[in-house]
N, C-alpha and C. Protein backbone atom coordinates (compact mmCIF):
# COMPACT_ATOMS: atom_id res chain seq x y z
N MET A 1 34.90 5.04 -3.72
CA MET A 1 34.48 6.39 -3.44
C MET A 1 33.49 6.42 -2.27
N PHE A 2 32.47 5.56 -2.32
CA PHE A 2 31.49 5.49 -1.25
C PHE A 2 31.68 4.20 -0.46
N MET A 3 32.92 3.84 -0.27
CA MET A 3 33.23 2.59 0.36
C MET A 3 32.72 2.52 1.80
N PHE A 4 32.67 3.66 2.46
CA PHE A 4 32.29 3.67 3.87
C PHE A 4 30.93 4.34 4.07
N ARG A 5 30.03 4.11 3.14
CA ARG A 5 28.68 4.66 3.26
C ARG A 5 28.01 4.05 4.49
N SER A 6 27.26 4.86 5.21
CA SER A 6 26.60 4.37 6.41
C SER A 6 25.48 3.40 6.06
N ARG A 7 25.14 2.57 7.01
CA ARG A 7 24.05 1.61 6.82
C ARG A 7 22.75 2.35 6.52
N ARG A 8 22.53 3.46 7.21
CA ARG A 8 21.33 4.26 7.01
C ARG A 8 21.24 4.77 5.58
N ALA A 9 22.34 5.30 5.06
CA ALA A 9 22.34 5.82 3.69
C ALA A 9 22.12 4.69 2.68
N THR A 10 22.70 3.53 2.94
CA THR A 10 22.53 2.39 2.04
C THR A 10 21.08 1.92 2.01
N LEU A 11 20.46 1.80 3.19
CA LEU A 11 19.06 1.36 3.26
C LEU A 11 18.13 2.38 2.61
N THR A 12 18.39 3.66 2.85
CA THR A 12 17.56 4.71 2.24
C THR A 12 17.66 4.65 0.73
N LYS A 13 18.87 4.49 0.22
CA LYS A 13 19.06 4.41 -1.23
C LYS A 13 18.34 3.19 -1.81
N ARG A 14 18.43 2.05 -1.13
CA ARG A 14 17.75 0.84 -1.61
C ARG A 14 16.23 1.01 -1.61
N LEU A 15 15.71 1.62 -0.55
CA LEU A 15 14.26 1.82 -0.47
C LEU A 15 13.77 2.78 -1.56
N LEU A 16 14.53 3.83 -1.81
CA LEU A 16 14.15 4.77 -2.87
C LEU A 16 14.20 4.10 -4.24
N LYS A 17 15.17 3.22 -4.43
CA LYS A 17 15.29 2.52 -5.71
C LYS A 17 14.17 1.49 -5.91
N ALA A 18 13.65 0.93 -4.82
CA ALA A 18 12.63 -0.11 -4.89
C ALA A 18 11.21 0.44 -5.06
N ARG A 19 11.07 1.75 -5.15
CA ARG A 19 9.72 2.34 -5.26
C ARG A 19 9.01 1.85 -6.50
N ARG A 20 7.72 1.59 -6.35
CA ARG A 20 6.88 1.24 -7.49
C ARG A 20 6.24 2.50 -8.05
N ARG A 21 6.16 3.53 -7.24
CA ARG A 21 5.57 4.80 -7.67
C ARG A 21 6.68 5.83 -7.76
N ARG A 22 6.88 6.36 -8.93
CA ARG A 22 7.90 7.40 -9.14
C ARG A 22 7.20 8.74 -9.27
N GLY A 23 7.90 9.78 -8.89
CA GLY A 23 7.29 11.10 -8.97
C GLY A 23 6.31 11.26 -7.82
N GLY A 24 5.31 12.08 -8.01
CA GLY A 24 4.30 12.26 -6.97
C GLY A 24 4.89 12.92 -5.75
N ASP A 25 4.83 12.25 -4.62
CA ASP A 25 5.25 12.83 -3.35
C ASP A 25 6.64 12.34 -2.95
N ASP A 26 7.63 12.58 -3.81
CA ASP A 26 8.99 12.15 -3.50
C ASP A 26 9.53 12.83 -2.25
N ASP A 27 9.17 14.10 -2.05
CA ASP A 27 9.62 14.80 -0.85
C ASP A 27 9.03 14.17 0.40
N GLY A 28 7.77 13.74 0.31
CA GLY A 28 7.13 13.08 1.44
C GLY A 28 7.80 11.76 1.78
N VAL A 29 8.18 11.02 0.76
CA VAL A 29 8.86 9.73 0.97
C VAL A 29 10.23 9.97 1.61
N ALA A 30 10.97 10.94 1.09
CA ALA A 30 12.29 11.25 1.66
C ALA A 30 12.16 11.72 3.11
N ARG A 31 11.15 12.53 3.40
CA ARG A 31 10.91 13.01 4.76
C ARG A 31 10.55 11.83 5.68
N LEU A 32 9.72 10.93 5.18
CA LEU A 32 9.34 9.75 5.95
C LEU A 32 10.56 8.90 6.28
N LEU A 33 11.42 8.67 5.30
CA LEU A 33 12.61 7.85 5.53
C LEU A 33 13.58 8.52 6.51
N ARG A 34 13.64 9.84 6.49
CA ARG A 34 14.49 10.55 7.46
C ARG A 34 13.96 10.41 8.88
N GLU A 35 12.65 10.30 9.03
CA GLU A 35 12.04 10.16 10.36
C GLU A 35 12.29 8.80 10.98
N LEU A 36 12.46 7.78 10.16
CA LEU A 36 12.62 6.43 10.68
C LEU A 36 13.99 6.24 11.32
N GLN A 37 14.01 5.46 12.38
CA GLN A 37 15.28 5.11 13.01
C GLN A 37 15.97 4.04 12.16
N ASP A 38 17.24 3.80 12.43
CA ASP A 38 18.00 2.84 11.63
C ASP A 38 17.37 1.44 11.64
N ASN A 39 16.94 0.99 12.82
CA ASN A 39 16.34 -0.35 12.89
C ASN A 39 15.00 -0.39 12.14
N GLN A 40 14.25 0.71 12.13
CA GLN A 40 12.99 0.76 11.39
C GLN A 40 13.25 0.73 9.88
N LEU A 41 14.30 1.43 9.44
CA LEU A 41 14.68 1.37 8.02
C LEU A 41 15.01 -0.06 7.62
N GLY A 42 15.73 -0.76 8.49
CA GLY A 42 16.08 -2.15 8.21
C GLY A 42 14.86 -3.04 8.12
N MET A 43 13.90 -2.84 9.02
CA MET A 43 12.67 -3.65 8.99
C MET A 43 11.84 -3.34 7.75
N LEU A 44 11.77 -2.05 7.37
CA LEU A 44 11.02 -1.68 6.17
C LEU A 44 11.69 -2.25 4.93
N TRP A 45 13.02 -2.19 4.87
CA TRP A 45 13.74 -2.75 3.72
C TRP A 45 13.51 -4.26 3.63
N ALA A 46 13.55 -4.96 4.77
CA ALA A 46 13.32 -6.41 4.77
C ALA A 46 11.94 -6.74 4.21
N ALA A 47 10.94 -5.95 4.58
CA ALA A 47 9.57 -6.18 4.08
C ALA A 47 9.48 -5.90 2.59
N VAL A 48 10.05 -4.79 2.14
CA VAL A 48 9.98 -4.40 0.73
C VAL A 48 10.77 -5.38 -0.13
N GLU A 49 11.94 -5.78 0.34
CA GLU A 49 12.78 -6.69 -0.43
C GLU A 49 12.12 -8.06 -0.59
N SER A 50 11.49 -8.56 0.46
CA SER A 50 10.86 -9.89 0.38
C SER A 50 9.47 -9.83 -0.25
N ARG A 51 8.95 -8.64 -0.45
CA ARG A 51 7.60 -8.43 -1.02
C ARG A 51 6.54 -9.20 -0.25
N GLY A 52 6.70 -9.24 1.07
CA GLY A 52 5.70 -9.85 1.91
C GLY A 52 5.81 -11.36 2.06
N ARG A 53 6.81 -11.98 1.44
CA ARG A 53 6.95 -13.44 1.56
C ARG A 53 7.22 -13.84 3.01
N ASP A 54 8.01 -13.03 3.70
CA ASP A 54 8.32 -13.29 5.11
C ASP A 54 7.51 -12.31 5.94
N MET A 55 6.89 -12.79 7.00
CA MET A 55 6.13 -11.90 7.86
C MET A 55 7.12 -11.06 8.66
N SER A 56 7.27 -9.82 8.26
CA SER A 56 8.25 -8.95 8.89
C SER A 56 7.61 -8.14 10.01
N SER A 57 8.43 -7.39 10.71
CA SER A 57 7.99 -6.63 11.87
C SER A 57 7.21 -5.39 11.49
N CYS A 58 6.47 -4.88 12.47
CA CYS A 58 5.75 -3.62 12.29
C CYS A 58 6.75 -2.47 12.30
N VAL A 59 6.48 -1.47 11.50
CA VAL A 59 7.26 -0.24 11.47
C VAL A 59 6.31 0.86 11.91
N LEU A 60 6.46 1.33 13.15
CA LEU A 60 5.47 2.22 13.74
C LEU A 60 5.85 3.70 13.62
N LEU A 61 4.85 4.50 13.25
CA LEU A 61 4.96 5.96 13.21
C LEU A 61 3.67 6.55 13.77
N PRO A 62 3.70 7.80 14.21
CA PRO A 62 2.47 8.42 14.76
C PRO A 62 1.32 8.38 13.76
N LYS A 63 0.11 8.12 14.27
CA LYS A 63 -1.08 7.95 13.43
C LYS A 63 -1.44 9.18 12.62
N GLU A 64 -1.28 10.35 13.18
CA GLU A 64 -1.78 11.56 12.52
C GLU A 64 -1.12 11.85 11.18
N ARG A 65 -0.03 11.21 10.87
CA ARG A 65 0.69 11.49 9.62
C ARG A 65 0.16 10.72 8.42
N GLN A 66 -0.63 9.67 8.63
CA GLN A 66 -1.12 8.81 7.55
C GLN A 66 0.05 8.24 6.73
N ALA A 67 1.15 7.93 7.40
CA ALA A 67 2.34 7.43 6.72
C ALA A 67 2.10 6.06 6.10
N HIS A 68 1.17 5.28 6.64
CA HIS A 68 0.90 3.95 6.09
C HIS A 68 0.35 4.05 4.67
N VAL A 69 -0.43 5.11 4.40
CA VAL A 69 -0.97 5.30 3.05
C VAL A 69 0.17 5.62 2.08
N LEU A 70 1.07 6.51 2.48
CA LEU A 70 2.21 6.86 1.63
C LEU A 70 3.09 5.64 1.37
N CYS A 71 3.32 4.81 2.38
CA CYS A 71 4.14 3.61 2.19
C CYS A 71 3.47 2.62 1.25
N CYS A 72 2.17 2.44 1.40
CA CYS A 72 1.45 1.53 0.50
C CYS A 72 1.45 2.06 -0.93
N GLN A 73 1.32 3.37 -1.10
CA GLN A 73 1.37 3.97 -2.44
C GLN A 73 2.76 3.82 -3.04
N THR A 74 3.77 3.96 -2.23
CA THR A 74 5.15 3.97 -2.72
C THR A 74 5.66 2.58 -3.06
N TRP A 75 5.37 1.59 -2.22
CA TRP A 75 5.98 0.28 -2.41
C TRP A 75 5.02 -0.83 -2.81
N ARG A 76 3.72 -0.58 -2.87
CA ARG A 76 2.79 -1.64 -3.27
C ARG A 76 1.81 -1.22 -4.35
N TRP A 77 0.99 -0.22 -4.07
CA TRP A 77 -0.09 0.15 -4.98
C TRP A 77 0.05 1.62 -5.39
N PRO A 78 0.77 1.92 -6.46
CA PRO A 78 0.97 3.31 -6.87
C PRO A 78 -0.34 4.03 -7.19
N GLU A 79 -1.36 3.29 -7.58
CA GLU A 79 -2.63 3.90 -7.97
C GLU A 79 -3.58 4.11 -6.78
N LEU A 80 -3.17 3.74 -5.57
CA LEU A 80 -4.00 3.91 -4.37
C LEU A 80 -4.27 5.39 -4.14
N VAL A 81 -5.53 5.73 -3.89
CA VAL A 81 -5.91 7.13 -3.71
C VAL A 81 -6.24 7.44 -2.25
N HIS A 82 -7.03 6.59 -1.61
CA HIS A 82 -7.53 6.88 -0.27
C HIS A 82 -7.08 5.82 0.73
N GLY A 83 -6.81 6.27 1.95
CA GLY A 83 -6.49 5.35 3.02
C GLY A 83 -7.69 4.50 3.43
N ALA A 84 -8.90 4.93 3.07
CA ALA A 84 -10.11 4.17 3.39
C ALA A 84 -10.15 2.85 2.61
N ASP A 85 -9.34 2.74 1.56
CA ASP A 85 -9.30 1.51 0.76
C ASP A 85 -8.34 0.47 1.34
N LEU A 86 -7.76 0.74 2.50
CA LEU A 86 -6.80 -0.17 3.12
C LEU A 86 -7.40 -0.84 4.34
N ARG A 87 -7.04 -2.10 4.55
CA ARG A 87 -7.43 -2.86 5.74
C ARG A 87 -6.18 -3.53 6.30
N ARG A 88 -6.06 -3.45 7.61
CA ARG A 88 -4.91 -4.07 8.28
C ARG A 88 -5.06 -5.59 8.26
N LEU A 89 -3.98 -6.29 7.98
CA LEU A 89 -4.00 -7.75 7.99
C LEU A 89 -3.96 -8.26 9.43
N PRO A 90 -4.53 -9.43 9.68
CA PRO A 90 -4.59 -9.96 11.05
C PRO A 90 -3.22 -10.18 11.69
N GLY A 91 -2.19 -10.40 10.91
CA GLY A 91 -0.86 -10.65 11.45
C GLY A 91 -0.16 -9.41 11.99
N CYS A 92 -0.69 -8.24 11.74
CA CYS A 92 -0.08 -6.99 12.21
C CYS A 92 -0.39 -6.82 13.69
N ARG A 93 0.64 -6.63 14.49
CA ARG A 93 0.47 -6.56 15.94
C ARG A 93 0.08 -5.19 16.46
N SER A 94 0.05 -4.18 15.61
CA SER A 94 -0.22 -2.83 16.10
C SER A 94 -1.68 -2.43 15.96
N ALA A 95 -2.57 -3.40 15.78
CA ALA A 95 -3.98 -3.11 15.49
C ALA A 95 -4.65 -2.25 16.56
N GLY A 96 -4.40 -2.47 17.81
CA GLY A 96 -5.10 -1.72 18.86
C GLY A 96 -4.35 -0.51 19.38
N ASP A 97 -3.25 -0.15 18.76
CA ASP A 97 -2.44 0.96 19.26
C ASP A 97 -3.13 2.29 18.99
N PRO A 98 -3.40 3.09 20.04
CA PRO A 98 -4.10 4.36 19.84
C PRO A 98 -3.20 5.49 19.33
N VAL A 99 -1.89 5.32 19.43
CA VAL A 99 -0.96 6.41 19.08
C VAL A 99 -0.24 6.17 17.76
N TYR A 100 0.13 4.92 17.49
CA TYR A 100 0.96 4.61 16.34
C TYR A 100 0.21 3.79 15.30
N VAL A 101 0.68 3.88 14.05
CA VAL A 101 0.15 3.07 12.95
C VAL A 101 1.32 2.35 12.29
N CYS A 102 1.08 1.14 11.85
CA CYS A 102 2.12 0.36 11.19
C CYS A 102 2.28 0.83 9.75
N CYS A 103 3.51 1.11 9.35
CA CYS A 103 3.81 1.60 8.00
C CYS A 103 4.39 0.51 7.11
N ASN A 104 4.39 -0.72 7.57
CA ASN A 104 4.86 -1.83 6.74
C ASN A 104 3.79 -2.07 5.67
N PRO A 105 4.10 -1.82 4.39
CA PRO A 105 3.07 -1.94 3.35
C PRO A 105 2.56 -3.36 3.17
N TYR A 106 3.26 -4.35 3.70
CA TYR A 106 2.82 -5.73 3.57
C TYR A 106 2.02 -6.19 4.79
N HIS A 107 1.67 -5.27 5.68
CA HIS A 107 0.75 -5.54 6.77
C HIS A 107 -0.63 -5.00 6.45
N TRP A 108 -0.84 -4.60 5.20
CA TRP A 108 -2.11 -4.02 4.76
C TRP A 108 -2.61 -4.75 3.53
N SER A 109 -3.92 -4.82 3.40
CA SER A 109 -4.54 -5.33 2.18
C SER A 109 -5.36 -4.20 1.59
N ARG A 110 -5.69 -4.35 0.34
CA ARG A 110 -6.42 -3.29 -0.36
C ARG A 110 -7.82 -3.77 -0.68
N VAL A 111 -8.79 -2.89 -0.48
CA VAL A 111 -10.17 -3.16 -0.84
C VAL A 111 -10.38 -2.61 -2.25
N TYR A 112 -10.75 -3.48 -3.16
CA TYR A 112 -10.99 -3.06 -4.53
C TYR A 112 -12.47 -2.78 -4.73
N GLN A 113 -12.76 -1.76 -5.49
CA GLN A 113 -14.13 -1.38 -5.80
C GLN A 113 -14.59 -2.12 -7.06
N PRO A 114 -15.90 -2.35 -7.20
CA PRO A 114 -16.41 -2.99 -8.42
C PRO A 114 -15.98 -2.20 -9.66
N GLY A 115 -15.56 -2.93 -10.66
CA GLY A 115 -15.11 -2.29 -11.90
C GLY A 115 -13.61 -2.11 -11.98
N GLU A 116 -12.90 -2.21 -10.85
CA GLU A 116 -11.44 -2.09 -10.88
C GLU A 116 -10.85 -3.40 -11.38
N GLN A 117 -9.81 -3.30 -12.17
CA GLN A 117 -9.14 -4.50 -12.66
C GLN A 117 -8.23 -5.03 -11.56
N VAL A 118 -8.29 -6.31 -11.33
CA VAL A 118 -7.52 -6.94 -10.27
C VAL A 118 -6.65 -8.03 -10.87
N VAL A 119 -5.38 -8.02 -10.54
CA VAL A 119 -4.48 -9.11 -10.90
C VAL A 119 -4.18 -9.85 -9.61
N ILE A 120 -4.49 -11.13 -9.59
CA ILE A 120 -4.30 -11.94 -8.39
C ILE A 120 -2.91 -12.53 -8.44
N MET A 121 -2.11 -12.19 -7.45
CA MET A 121 -0.76 -12.73 -7.36
C MET A 121 -0.51 -13.12 -5.92
N GLY A 122 0.21 -14.19 -5.73
CA GLY A 122 0.49 -14.65 -4.39
C GLY A 122 1.87 -14.23 -3.93
N ARG A 123 2.25 -14.74 -2.81
CA ARG A 123 3.55 -14.39 -2.24
C ARG A 123 4.70 -14.81 -3.15
N ASN A 124 4.59 -15.95 -3.80
CA ASN A 124 5.67 -16.45 -4.64
C ASN A 124 5.31 -16.40 -6.11
N ALA A 125 4.45 -15.46 -6.49
CA ALA A 125 3.98 -15.39 -7.87
C ALA A 125 5.12 -15.00 -8.80
N THR A 126 5.04 -15.49 -10.01
CA THR A 126 6.04 -15.16 -11.01
C THR A 126 5.58 -13.93 -11.77
N SER A 127 6.36 -13.52 -12.74
CA SER A 127 5.98 -12.36 -13.53
C SER A 127 4.89 -12.70 -14.54
N ASP A 128 4.57 -13.98 -14.67
CA ASP A 128 3.51 -14.41 -15.59
C ASP A 128 2.18 -14.41 -14.84
N PRO A 129 1.30 -13.41 -15.10
CA PRO A 129 0.06 -13.31 -14.34
C PRO A 129 -0.81 -14.55 -14.47
N GLU A 130 -0.81 -15.19 -15.64
CA GLU A 130 -1.65 -16.38 -15.83
C GLU A 130 -1.19 -17.49 -14.90
N ARG A 131 0.10 -17.69 -14.81
CA ARG A 131 0.62 -18.75 -13.95
C ARG A 131 0.36 -18.44 -12.48
N GLY A 132 0.51 -17.16 -12.10
CA GLY A 132 0.22 -16.76 -10.72
C GLY A 132 -1.23 -17.03 -10.37
N THR A 133 -2.15 -16.74 -11.29
CA THR A 133 -3.56 -16.98 -11.05
C THR A 133 -3.85 -18.47 -10.94
N ASP A 134 -3.25 -19.28 -11.82
CA ASP A 134 -3.44 -20.73 -11.75
C ASP A 134 -2.94 -21.27 -10.41
N ALA A 135 -1.78 -20.81 -9.99
CA ALA A 135 -1.23 -21.25 -8.71
C ALA A 135 -2.16 -20.86 -7.56
N PHE A 136 -2.76 -19.70 -7.67
CA PHE A 136 -3.69 -19.22 -6.66
C PHE A 136 -4.89 -20.16 -6.53
N PHE A 137 -5.49 -20.49 -7.66
CA PHE A 137 -6.67 -21.36 -7.62
C PHE A 137 -6.30 -22.79 -7.22
N GLN A 138 -5.11 -23.27 -7.58
CA GLN A 138 -4.68 -24.59 -7.14
C GLN A 138 -4.52 -24.60 -5.62
N LEU A 139 -3.97 -23.54 -5.07
CA LEU A 139 -3.80 -23.45 -3.63
C LEU A 139 -5.15 -23.42 -2.92
N LEU A 140 -6.11 -22.66 -3.46
CA LEU A 140 -7.44 -22.61 -2.87
C LEU A 140 -8.12 -23.98 -2.91
N GLU A 141 -8.00 -24.67 -4.04
CA GLU A 141 -8.61 -26.00 -4.16
C GLU A 141 -7.98 -26.96 -3.16
N GLY A 142 -6.66 -26.89 -3.01
CA GLY A 142 -5.97 -27.75 -2.05
C GLY A 142 -6.38 -27.46 -0.62
N ALA A 143 -6.56 -26.19 -0.29
CA ALA A 143 -6.98 -25.82 1.06
C ALA A 143 -8.40 -26.29 1.33
N ALA A 144 -9.26 -26.17 0.33
CA ALA A 144 -10.65 -26.61 0.49
C ALA A 144 -10.71 -28.11 0.70
N ALA A 145 -9.77 -28.84 0.11
CA ALA A 145 -9.75 -30.29 0.26
C ALA A 145 -8.94 -30.72 1.49
N GLY A 146 -8.43 -29.75 2.25
CA GLY A 146 -7.68 -30.07 3.46
C GLY A 146 -6.24 -30.42 3.20
N ARG A 147 -5.69 -30.07 2.02
CA ARG A 147 -4.31 -30.44 1.68
C ARG A 147 -3.33 -29.28 1.85
N GLY A 148 -3.72 -28.19 2.45
CA GLY A 148 -2.79 -27.07 2.60
C GLY A 148 -3.49 -25.89 3.21
N THR A 149 -2.80 -24.79 3.21
CA THR A 149 -3.39 -23.58 3.78
C THR A 149 -3.37 -22.48 2.74
N CYS A 150 -4.08 -21.44 3.04
CA CYS A 150 -4.13 -20.27 2.15
C CYS A 150 -3.44 -19.08 2.78
N CYS A 151 -2.51 -19.32 3.67
CA CYS A 151 -1.86 -18.20 4.35
C CYS A 151 -1.19 -17.29 3.34
N GLY A 152 -1.40 -16.00 3.51
CA GLY A 152 -0.77 -15.02 2.64
C GLY A 152 -1.56 -14.69 1.40
N TRP A 153 -2.69 -15.31 1.19
CA TRP A 153 -3.51 -15.03 0.02
C TRP A 153 -4.76 -14.29 0.46
N VAL A 154 -5.24 -13.46 -0.39
CA VAL A 154 -6.48 -12.74 -0.14
C VAL A 154 -7.43 -13.08 -1.27
N VAL A 155 -8.61 -13.54 -0.95
CA VAL A 155 -9.61 -13.84 -1.96
C VAL A 155 -10.38 -12.56 -2.23
N VAL A 156 -10.39 -12.14 -3.46
CA VAL A 156 -11.07 -10.92 -3.85
C VAL A 156 -12.32 -11.30 -4.62
N ILE A 157 -13.46 -10.82 -4.17
CA ILE A 157 -14.72 -11.09 -4.86
C ILE A 157 -15.14 -9.82 -5.59
N ILE A 158 -15.27 -9.92 -6.89
CA ILE A 158 -15.66 -8.78 -7.71
C ILE A 158 -16.93 -9.13 -8.46
N ASP A 159 -17.95 -8.32 -8.26
CA ASP A 159 -19.24 -8.52 -8.94
C ASP A 159 -19.74 -9.95 -8.81
N GLY A 160 -19.60 -10.53 -7.62
CA GLY A 160 -20.14 -11.85 -7.37
C GLY A 160 -19.29 -13.00 -7.88
N VAL A 161 -18.14 -12.72 -8.49
CA VAL A 161 -17.27 -13.77 -9.02
C VAL A 161 -16.08 -13.90 -8.10
N GLN A 162 -15.75 -15.13 -7.70
CA GLN A 162 -14.60 -15.34 -6.83
C GLN A 162 -13.36 -15.58 -7.62
């Protein structure tokens, strides 16, 4: 029946299905996806599908729309309230752009406030939070001893505890 669905329609459907936040601003998400060009949809899907494991390309939209906040709410942190809680990661190439902002949700990190519950998970974390946390600390210990790197991990300090 939908044998000849366009690539654009397929990517849009996959992105809508991959949302972590349901409800809320569904019209805004649909409007955002309509604004993206086909190649931008592909780059956004690659980032969402890999969950940040692969450093994907920037997906640029005009700054005044705050589309990066909507993307982070939709595909990473459904409980995110303010764009002020986001920080661009060093690997994002659009940092100095005065007109555009990167909407790739995996080019942003989140600043947690004291008292917020934080689950530490890495790029290859499993669904078992305990194992993900253990892997995180093993990686940090290895990096401190010069046996590896911590690329892709963010150390979150809450109330003086690392």
